[in-house]
């Protein structure tokens, strides 16, 4: 069961590995990212960041959708981390197993506007997020669990 979906361009790092993993009732971290799924160096780096008591799975976004829809992930309480709003939208729209989306960090890029100290979005991403909200998804910005949750506007 997916307990939490987070967009964070850094994927697995201290905030996710420690704060969110320990702050949620989860036992598994799924990193859904096409690049990581085929890059042994990045996989090794991500493995070093995982908490000792966590099961870590790294799959492409399509493989993640397939696994979630097959029911094989139902036995786990999962924290899912993706790198982009686009990947999050794909997971949400193609699985129907997710009802909220945490915006944790998107780096500053050409054409982005700042929505918080760590969230920078393009107009296309903002449009995707509004579509998700209109479909009933709770989209919010929150860096760490003890920080106030802010509804995305």
N, C-alpha and C. Protein backbone atom coordinates (compact mmCIF):
# COMPACT_ATOMS: atom_id res chain seq x y z
N UNK A 1 0.85 -1.18 0.00
CA UNK A 1 0.00 0.00 0.00
C UNK A 1 0.90 1.24 0.00
N UNK A 2 0.57 2.17 -0.84
CA UNK A 2 1.33 3.42 -0.91
C UNK A 2 0.82 4.35 0.18
N UNK A 3 1.72 4.71 1.09
CA UNK A 3 1.37 5.60 2.18
C UNK A 3 1.72 7.05 1.87
N UNK A 4 2.71 7.25 0.95
CA UNK A 4 3.21 8.60 0.73
C UNK A 4 3.92 8.65 -0.61
N UNK A 5 3.62 9.67 -1.40
CA UNK A 5 4.30 9.92 -2.67
C UNK A 5 4.95 11.30 -2.59
N UNK A 6 6.25 11.33 -2.86
CA UNK A 6 7.01 12.59 -2.76
C UNK A 6 7.76 12.86 -4.05
N UNK A 7 7.69 14.11 -4.51
CA UNK A 7 8.52 14.58 -5.61
C UNK A 7 9.74 15.24 -4.97
N UNK A 8 10.91 14.72 -5.31
CA UNK A 8 12.15 15.29 -4.80
C UNK A 8 13.25 15.02 -5.82
N UNK A 9 13.79 16.06 -6.42
CA UNK A 9 14.79 15.88 -7.47
C UNK A 9 16.04 15.18 -6.96
N UNK A 10 16.25 15.15 -5.65
CA UNK A 10 17.41 14.47 -5.08
C UNK A 10 17.11 13.00 -4.80
N UNK A 11 15.86 12.59 -4.98
CA UNK A 11 15.40 11.23 -4.71
C UNK A 11 15.65 10.86 -3.26
N UNK A 12 16.53 9.92 -2.98
CA UNK A 12 16.72 9.47 -1.61
C UNK A 12 17.93 10.17 -0.99
N UNK A 13 17.69 10.88 0.10
CA UNK A 13 18.74 11.62 0.81
C UNK A 13 18.31 11.74 2.26
N UNK A 14 19.03 12.47 3.06
CA UNK A 14 18.77 12.55 4.49
C UNK A 14 17.34 12.83 4.89
N UNK A 15 16.71 13.85 4.29
CA UNK A 15 15.32 14.18 4.66
C UNK A 15 14.39 13.01 4.41
N UNK A 16 14.51 12.40 3.26
CA UNK A 16 13.62 11.29 2.92
C UNK A 16 13.99 10.06 3.74
N UNK A 17 15.28 9.74 3.73
CA UNK A 17 15.73 8.51 4.37
C UNK A 17 15.50 8.52 5.88
N UNK A 18 15.65 9.66 6.51
CA UNK A 18 15.53 9.70 7.96
C UNK A 18 14.17 10.29 8.39
N UNK A 19 13.93 11.55 8.06
CA UNK A 19 12.72 12.23 8.55
C UNK A 19 11.44 11.58 8.08
N UNK A 20 11.28 11.41 6.78
CA UNK A 20 10.02 10.88 6.28
C UNK A 20 9.88 9.40 6.57
N UNK A 21 10.93 8.63 6.36
CA UNK A 21 10.83 7.19 6.62
C UNK A 21 10.46 6.93 8.07
N UNK A 22 11.11 7.62 9.00
CA UNK A 22 10.82 7.42 10.42
C UNK A 22 9.51 8.07 10.85
N UNK A 23 9.08 9.12 10.14
CA UNK A 23 7.86 9.82 10.50
C UNK A 23 6.59 9.18 9.98
N UNK A 24 6.73 8.25 9.07
CA UNK A 24 5.58 7.56 8.47
C UNK A 24 5.59 6.11 8.93
N UNK A 25 4.47 5.46 8.85
CA UNK A 25 4.40 4.05 9.19
C UNK A 25 4.71 3.24 7.92
N UNK A 26 5.98 3.28 7.50
CA UNK A 26 6.38 2.59 6.26
C UNK A 26 7.54 1.64 6.55
N UNK A 27 7.68 0.66 5.67
CA UNK A 27 8.79 -0.28 5.79
C UNK A 27 9.56 -0.42 4.48
N UNK A 28 9.08 0.25 3.43
CA UNK A 28 9.66 0.12 2.10
C UNK A 28 9.75 1.48 1.43
N UNK A 29 10.85 1.69 0.72
CA UNK A 29 11.02 2.90 -0.09
C UNK A 29 11.11 2.44 -1.54
N UNK A 30 10.24 2.99 -2.38
CA UNK A 30 10.28 2.73 -3.82
C UNK A 30 10.79 4.00 -4.50
N UNK A 31 11.92 3.90 -5.17
CA UNK A 31 12.42 4.99 -5.99
C UNK A 31 11.98 4.67 -7.42
N UNK A 32 11.04 5.46 -7.92
CA UNK A 32 10.50 5.26 -9.27
C UNK A 32 11.14 6.29 -10.19
N UNK A 33 12.13 5.83 -10.97
CA UNK A 33 12.88 6.75 -11.80
C UNK A 33 13.52 5.99 -12.95
N UNK A 34 13.27 6.43 -14.16
CA UNK A 34 13.78 5.73 -15.35
C UNK A 34 15.29 5.72 -15.41
N UNK A 35 15.93 6.82 -15.06
CA UNK A 35 17.38 6.91 -15.13
C UNK A 35 18.05 6.01 -14.09
N UNK A 36 17.56 6.06 -12.86
CA UNK A 36 18.14 5.24 -11.79
C UNK A 36 18.00 3.75 -12.10
N UNK A 37 16.89 3.36 -12.68
CA UNK A 37 16.63 1.94 -12.96
C UNK A 37 17.70 1.31 -13.84
N UNK A 38 18.41 2.13 -14.62
CA UNK A 38 19.41 1.58 -15.54
C UNK A 38 20.84 2.05 -15.21
N UNK A 39 21.03 2.71 -14.08
CA UNK A 39 22.33 3.28 -13.74
C UNK A 39 22.85 2.67 -12.44
N UNK A 40 23.77 1.73 -12.54
CA UNK A 40 24.29 1.04 -11.37
C UNK A 40 25.00 1.99 -10.40
N UNK A 41 25.66 3.02 -10.90
CA UNK A 41 26.33 3.97 -10.02
C UNK A 41 25.32 4.72 -9.15
N UNK A 42 24.25 5.20 -9.77
CA UNK A 42 23.21 5.91 -9.00
C UNK A 42 22.52 4.98 -8.02
N UNK A 43 22.29 3.74 -8.44
CA UNK A 43 21.69 2.76 -7.52
C UNK A 43 22.57 2.58 -6.29
N UNK A 44 23.88 2.46 -6.50
CA UNK A 44 24.81 2.28 -5.37
C UNK A 44 24.74 3.47 -4.42
N UNK A 45 24.72 4.67 -4.97
CA UNK A 45 24.65 5.88 -4.14
C UNK A 45 23.35 5.92 -3.34
N UNK A 46 22.26 5.56 -3.96
CA UNK A 46 20.96 5.57 -3.29
C UNK A 46 20.92 4.51 -2.19
N UNK A 47 21.50 3.34 -2.46
CA UNK A 47 21.55 2.28 -1.43
C UNK A 47 22.25 2.77 -0.16
N UNK A 48 23.27 3.60 -0.32
CA UNK A 48 24.00 4.10 0.85
C UNK A 48 23.15 5.04 1.70
N UNK A 49 22.14 5.67 1.11
CA UNK A 49 21.30 6.62 1.84
C UNK A 49 20.12 5.96 2.55
N UNK A 50 19.84 4.72 2.25
CA UNK A 50 18.65 4.10 2.82
C UNK A 50 18.84 3.74 4.29
N UNK A 51 17.79 3.88 5.09
CA UNK A 51 17.87 3.45 6.48
C UNK A 51 18.09 1.94 6.56
N UNK A 52 18.78 1.48 7.60
CA UNK A 52 19.07 0.04 7.76
C UNK A 52 17.82 -0.82 7.80
N UNK A 53 16.75 -0.29 8.39
CA UNK A 53 15.54 -1.09 8.55
C UNK A 53 14.56 -0.94 7.38
N UNK A 54 14.99 -0.36 6.29
CA UNK A 54 14.11 -0.15 5.12
C UNK A 54 14.39 -1.15 4.02
N UNK A 55 13.33 -1.61 3.40
CA UNK A 55 13.46 -2.35 2.15
C UNK A 55 13.50 -1.28 1.06
N UNK A 56 14.44 -1.40 0.13
CA UNK A 56 14.58 -0.41 -0.93
C UNK A 56 14.39 -1.08 -2.27
N UNK A 57 13.52 -0.50 -3.09
CA UNK A 57 13.25 -0.99 -4.44
C UNK A 57 13.46 0.17 -5.40
N UNK A 58 14.16 -0.10 -6.51
CA UNK A 58 14.38 0.93 -7.53
C UNK A 58 13.91 0.38 -8.86
N UNK A 59 12.92 1.05 -9.43
CA UNK A 59 12.32 0.61 -10.69
C UNK A 59 12.08 1.82 -11.59
N UNK A 60 11.91 1.55 -12.88
CA UNK A 60 11.48 2.61 -13.78
C UNK A 60 10.04 3.00 -13.41
N UNK A 61 9.59 4.11 -13.93
CA UNK A 61 8.22 4.54 -13.64
C UNK A 61 7.22 3.52 -14.19
N UNK A 62 7.44 3.04 -15.40
CA UNK A 62 6.53 2.04 -15.99
C UNK A 62 6.53 0.74 -15.18
N UNK A 63 7.70 0.29 -14.76
CA UNK A 63 7.77 -0.92 -13.93
C UNK A 63 7.09 -0.71 -12.58
N UNK A 64 7.19 0.49 -12.05
CA UNK A 64 6.53 0.82 -10.78
C UNK A 64 5.02 0.77 -10.94
N UNK A 65 4.51 1.35 -12.01
CA UNK A 65 3.08 1.31 -12.29
C UNK A 65 2.61 -0.14 -12.39
N UNK A 66 3.36 -0.94 -13.13
CA UNK A 66 3.00 -2.35 -13.31
C UNK A 66 2.99 -3.10 -11.97
N UNK A 67 4.00 -2.89 -11.15
CA UNK A 67 4.08 -3.56 -9.85
C UNK A 67 2.93 -3.15 -8.94
N UNK A 68 2.62 -1.86 -8.89
CA UNK A 68 1.54 -1.36 -8.05
C UNK A 68 0.21 -1.93 -8.52
N UNK A 69 -0.03 -1.90 -9.82
CA UNK A 69 -1.30 -2.40 -10.36
C UNK A 69 -1.46 -3.91 -10.23
N UNK A 70 -0.35 -4.64 -10.19
CA UNK A 70 -0.42 -6.10 -10.07
C UNK A 70 -0.81 -6.54 -8.67
N UNK A 71 -0.63 -5.65 -7.69
CA UNK A 71 -0.94 -6.00 -6.30
C UNK A 71 0.26 -6.53 -5.53
N UNK A 72 1.38 -6.73 -6.21
CA UNK A 72 2.57 -7.28 -5.55
C UNK A 72 3.09 -6.35 -4.45
N UNK A 73 2.79 -5.08 -4.52
CA UNK A 73 3.27 -4.11 -3.53
C UNK A 73 2.31 -3.93 -2.36
N UNK A 74 1.14 -4.56 -2.44
CA UNK A 74 0.11 -4.36 -1.41
C UNK A 74 0.57 -4.76 -0.01
N UNK A 75 1.48 -5.70 0.08
CA UNK A 75 1.92 -6.19 1.39
C UNK A 75 2.90 -5.24 2.08
N UNK A 76 3.36 -4.23 1.39
CA UNK A 76 4.30 -3.27 1.96
C UNK A 76 3.61 -1.95 2.27
N UNK A 77 4.12 -1.25 3.27
CA UNK A 77 3.73 0.14 3.51
C UNK A 77 4.83 0.98 2.89
N UNK A 78 4.50 1.62 1.77
CA UNK A 78 5.54 2.23 0.95
C UNK A 78 5.55 3.75 0.94
N UNK A 79 6.77 4.26 0.95
CA UNK A 79 7.08 5.65 0.65
C UNK A 79 7.62 5.61 -0.77
N UNK A 80 6.98 6.33 -1.69
CA UNK A 80 7.42 6.35 -3.08
C UNK A 80 8.03 7.72 -3.36
N UNK A 81 9.21 7.70 -3.97
CA UNK A 81 9.91 8.94 -4.30
C UNK A 81 10.14 8.99 -5.80
N UNK A 82 9.75 10.10 -6.41
CA UNK A 82 9.98 10.34 -7.83
C UNK A 82 10.75 11.65 -7.98
N UNK A 83 11.34 11.83 -9.16
CA UNK A 83 12.17 13.00 -9.40
C UNK A 83 11.39 14.20 -9.94
N UNK A 84 10.23 13.95 -10.55
CA UNK A 84 9.53 15.03 -11.24
C UNK A 84 8.02 14.98 -11.05
N UNK A 85 7.40 16.11 -11.28
CA UNK A 85 5.94 16.21 -11.25
C UNK A 85 5.36 15.29 -12.33
N UNK A 86 6.00 15.24 -13.48
CA UNK A 86 5.53 14.38 -14.57
C UNK A 86 5.49 12.92 -14.15
N UNK A 87 6.53 12.44 -13.49
CA UNK A 87 6.56 11.05 -13.03
C UNK A 87 5.49 10.81 -11.96
N UNK A 88 5.30 11.77 -11.07
CA UNK A 88 4.27 11.64 -10.04
C UNK A 88 2.89 11.55 -10.68
N UNK A 89 2.62 12.42 -11.65
CA UNK A 89 1.32 12.41 -12.33
C UNK A 89 1.09 11.08 -13.03
N UNK A 90 2.12 10.53 -13.64
CA UNK A 90 1.99 9.24 -14.30
C UNK A 90 1.62 8.16 -13.29
N UNK A 91 2.31 8.12 -12.17
CA UNK A 91 1.99 7.13 -11.13
C UNK A 91 0.56 7.30 -10.62
N UNK A 92 0.18 8.53 -10.35
CA UNK A 92 -1.17 8.79 -9.83
C UNK A 92 -2.23 8.40 -10.85
N UNK A 93 -2.06 8.84 -12.09
CA UNK A 93 -3.08 8.62 -13.12
C UNK A 93 -3.16 7.17 -13.59
N UNK A 94 -2.04 6.45 -13.53
CA UNK A 94 -2.04 5.10 -14.06
C UNK A 94 -2.21 4.01 -13.01
N UNK A 95 -2.23 4.38 -11.72
CA UNK A 95 -2.41 3.35 -10.70
C UNK A 95 -3.70 3.49 -9.91
N UNK A 96 -4.16 4.68 -9.73
CA UNK A 96 -5.36 4.95 -8.91
C UNK A 96 -5.18 4.49 -7.46
N UNK A 97 -3.92 4.36 -7.01
CA UNK A 97 -3.62 3.90 -5.65
C UNK A 97 -3.11 5.03 -4.76
N UNK A 98 -3.13 6.26 -5.29
CA UNK A 98 -2.51 7.38 -4.58
C UNK A 98 -3.51 8.52 -4.48
N UNK A 99 -3.66 9.08 -3.26
CA UNK A 99 -4.62 10.17 -3.09
C UNK A 99 -3.98 11.48 -2.66
N UNK A 100 -2.64 11.48 -2.51
CA UNK A 100 -1.98 12.73 -2.15
C UNK A 100 -0.58 12.78 -2.75
N UNK A 101 -0.06 13.99 -2.87
CA UNK A 101 1.26 14.20 -3.47
C UNK A 101 1.99 15.28 -2.69
N UNK A 102 3.16 14.91 -2.17
CA UNK A 102 4.03 15.83 -1.44
C UNK A 102 5.06 16.41 -2.39
N UNK A 103 5.08 17.72 -2.48
CA UNK A 103 6.12 18.41 -3.25
C UNK A 103 7.23 18.75 -2.28
N UNK A 104 8.36 18.04 -2.42
CA UNK A 104 9.45 18.22 -1.49
C UNK A 104 10.60 19.03 -2.04
N UNK A 105 10.88 18.85 -3.32
CA UNK A 105 11.98 19.59 -3.90
C UNK A 105 12.05 19.43 -5.40
N UNK A 106 12.01 20.54 -6.09
CA UNK A 106 12.23 20.55 -7.54
C UNK A 106 13.19 21.70 -7.80
N UNK A 107 14.27 21.39 -8.47
CA UNK A 107 15.33 22.39 -8.62
C UNK A 107 14.93 23.52 -9.56
N UNK A 108 15.61 24.61 -9.39
CA UNK A 108 15.40 25.77 -10.25
C UNK A 108 15.93 25.44 -11.64
N UNK A 109 15.11 25.69 -12.63
CA UNK A 109 15.47 25.44 -14.02
C UNK A 109 14.96 26.59 -14.87
N UNK A 110 15.35 26.58 -16.12
CA UNK A 110 14.88 27.59 -17.08
C UNK A 110 13.35 27.55 -17.11
N UNK A 111 12.72 28.69 -16.92
CA UNK A 111 11.26 28.78 -17.03
C UNK A 111 10.50 28.41 -15.77
N UNK A 112 11.20 28.25 -14.63
CA UNK A 112 10.48 27.91 -13.41
C UNK A 112 10.21 29.15 -12.57
N UNK A 113 9.19 29.04 -11.74
CA UNK A 113 8.88 30.04 -10.73
C UNK A 113 8.96 29.36 -9.38
N UNK A 114 9.33 30.11 -8.36
CA UNK A 114 9.49 29.57 -7.02
C UNK A 114 8.14 29.53 -6.29
N UNK A 115 7.83 28.36 -5.70
CA UNK A 115 6.60 28.19 -4.93
C UNK A 115 6.89 27.99 -3.45
N UNK A 116 8.15 27.73 -3.14
CA UNK A 116 8.64 27.64 -1.76
C UNK A 116 10.15 27.67 -1.84
N UNK A 117 10.81 27.53 -0.69
CA UNK A 117 12.28 27.60 -0.70
C UNK A 117 12.91 26.46 -1.51
N UNK A 118 12.18 25.36 -1.73
CA UNK A 118 12.75 24.22 -2.45
C UNK A 118 11.93 23.75 -3.64
N UNK A 119 10.79 24.39 -3.90
CA UNK A 119 9.92 23.95 -4.99
C UNK A 119 9.86 25.02 -6.08
N UNK A 120 10.35 24.64 -7.25
CA UNK A 120 10.36 25.51 -8.43
C UNK A 120 9.66 24.77 -9.55
N UNK A 121 8.67 25.41 -10.17
CA UNK A 121 7.83 24.72 -11.14
C UNK A 121 7.67 25.51 -12.43
N UNK A 122 7.54 24.77 -13.53
CA UNK A 122 7.21 25.37 -14.81
C UNK A 122 5.70 25.55 -14.90
N UNK A 123 5.26 26.31 -15.88
CA UNK A 123 3.81 26.47 -16.08
C UNK A 123 3.15 25.14 -16.39
N UNK A 124 3.82 24.29 -17.15
CA UNK A 124 3.27 22.97 -17.49
C UNK A 124 3.11 22.11 -16.23
N UNK A 125 4.09 22.18 -15.33
CA UNK A 125 3.99 21.41 -14.08
C UNK A 125 2.85 21.94 -13.21
N UNK A 126 2.72 23.25 -13.15
CA UNK A 126 1.64 23.86 -12.37
C UNK A 126 0.29 23.39 -12.92
N UNK A 127 0.17 23.37 -14.23
CA UNK A 127 -1.06 22.90 -14.87
C UNK A 127 -1.34 21.44 -14.51
N UNK A 128 -0.31 20.60 -14.56
CA UNK A 128 -0.48 19.18 -14.18
C UNK A 128 -0.95 19.06 -12.73
N UNK A 129 -0.35 19.86 -11.85
CA UNK A 129 -0.73 19.80 -10.44
C UNK A 129 -2.16 20.26 -10.21
N UNK A 130 -2.58 21.29 -10.92
CA UNK A 130 -3.97 21.75 -10.80
C UNK A 130 -4.93 20.67 -11.31
N UNK A 131 -4.58 19.98 -12.38
CA UNK A 131 -5.41 18.88 -12.88
C UNK A 131 -5.52 17.77 -11.84
N UNK A 132 -4.41 17.46 -11.18
CA UNK A 132 -4.45 16.44 -10.13
C UNK A 132 -5.35 16.88 -8.99
N UNK A 133 -5.24 18.15 -8.59
CA UNK A 133 -6.11 18.67 -7.53
C UNK A 133 -7.58 18.59 -7.92
N UNK A 134 -7.88 18.94 -9.17
CA UNK A 134 -9.26 18.90 -9.64
C UNK A 134 -9.81 17.48 -9.64
N UNK A 135 -8.93 16.50 -9.76
CA UNK A 135 -9.38 15.10 -9.74
C UNK A 135 -9.43 14.54 -8.32
N UNK A 136 -9.16 15.39 -7.31
CA UNK A 136 -9.30 14.97 -5.92
C UNK A 136 -8.00 14.64 -5.20
N UNK A 137 -6.87 14.85 -5.84
CA UNK A 137 -5.58 14.57 -5.21
C UNK A 137 -5.20 15.74 -4.30
N UNK A 138 -4.78 15.44 -3.08
CA UNK A 138 -4.29 16.45 -2.14
C UNK A 138 -2.84 16.74 -2.50
N UNK A 139 -2.56 17.90 -3.07
CA UNK A 139 -1.21 18.30 -3.46
C UNK A 139 -0.73 19.33 -2.45
N UNK A 140 0.42 19.04 -1.83
CA UNK A 140 0.90 19.93 -0.78
C UNK A 140 2.42 20.03 -0.78
N UNK A 141 2.90 21.11 -0.18
CA UNK A 141 4.33 21.36 -0.04
C UNK A 141 4.68 21.17 1.43
N UNK A 142 5.71 20.34 1.66
CA UNK A 142 6.18 20.10 3.02
C UNK A 142 7.56 19.47 2.93
N UNK A 143 8.55 20.13 3.48
CA UNK A 143 9.92 19.62 3.40
C UNK A 143 10.15 18.43 4.32
N UNK A 144 9.76 18.56 5.57
CA UNK A 144 9.97 17.52 6.58
C UNK A 144 8.68 17.36 7.38
N UNK A 145 8.49 16.22 8.03
CA UNK A 145 7.22 15.96 8.74
C UNK A 145 6.85 16.97 9.81
N UNK A 146 7.83 17.56 10.49
CA UNK A 146 7.49 18.50 11.57
C UNK A 146 7.25 19.93 11.07
N UNK A 147 7.33 20.14 9.77
CA UNK A 147 7.04 21.43 9.16
C UNK A 147 5.55 21.48 8.83
N UNK A 148 4.98 22.68 8.82
CA UNK A 148 3.56 22.84 8.49
C UNK A 148 3.31 22.46 7.02
N UNK A 149 2.27 21.68 6.82
CA UNK A 149 1.85 21.27 5.48
C UNK A 149 1.12 22.44 4.82
N UNK A 150 1.54 22.81 3.59
CA UNK A 150 0.90 23.90 2.86
C UNK A 150 0.24 23.36 1.60
N UNK A 151 -1.03 23.60 1.46
CA UNK A 151 -1.74 23.18 0.25
C UNK A 151 -1.16 23.93 -0.95
N UNK A 152 -0.91 23.22 -2.04
CA UNK A 152 -0.38 23.86 -3.24
C UNK A 152 -1.46 24.74 -3.85
N UNK A 153 -1.05 25.96 -4.20
CA UNK A 153 -1.98 26.91 -4.84
C UNK A 153 -1.35 27.41 -6.10
